[in-house]
Amino acid sequence: MARATNKQELIAAANSQFEKLWKLIDSMSKEKQQATFPFDDRDKNLRDVLVHLYEWHQLLLNWIRSNQAGKPANFLPDPYNWKTYPQMNVEFWKKHQETSLEEAVALLKKSHAEVIKLIEPFTNEELFTKKCFSWTGTTNLGSYCISATSSHYDWAMKKLKQHIKN
C-alpha cells in the first residue's frame, strides 16, 4: 500500500489496515490468541501487541490535544527521545502486564476511533505541509498520524503472522 499523501488516503489506510488487523485476529483460534509467542521479544502475546498500539495512540492523542490547547509538548514524553524510545516501549509493556486481552481489545478499538475523530477536522494542508505547526518540527502532522495508525498496524500484523506461522 502506498503511503498516504492526503487526508482521505490517511483515514482510508488507517481504517483499512485496522480492519485487516481484526480480520487476522478473528482468524486466530482462541488458543492462538491467548498463546505466548514462540519468539523472544518484548511483546510476548497478542495482548502485548494490542496495548502497544493503544499506547502509541495515546502518545498521538495527548501530543496533538496538548499542543492544540497551547500547552507545548513533545511527541515522546520526558525523559524519552527518538534514541531512547525502545525503553519507553518496555515501560508500556510493564504497565499492561495485568491488562486482560479483552480489555486490550476494548482499549485499542476505542483509541483507534478517537484517533480518527481527532484527525478528521484537519485539512490536507494541516496534515501534509511540513512545518505547518511549529510543534511538528520538520515533519508534517500526517506522518505522525500514519506512523501511529496504518504503519503501526502493519507492524502488528507482521508480528501476528509470525506467531501464526510458528
Foldseek 3Di string as FASTA:
>chain_A
DDQDLFLVVLLVLQVVLVVVLVVLVVVDDPCLQPAFFPDDDLQGHNLLLLLLLLVLLVLLVVQVVCVVVVNHDASDHPPDDPVRCVVVSSVSSVVCPVPDSVNSVVSNVVSSVVLNVVSVVDGRCQQRPAVPDVRVPRGGNVVSSCVSGNVSSVVSVVSSVSRVVD
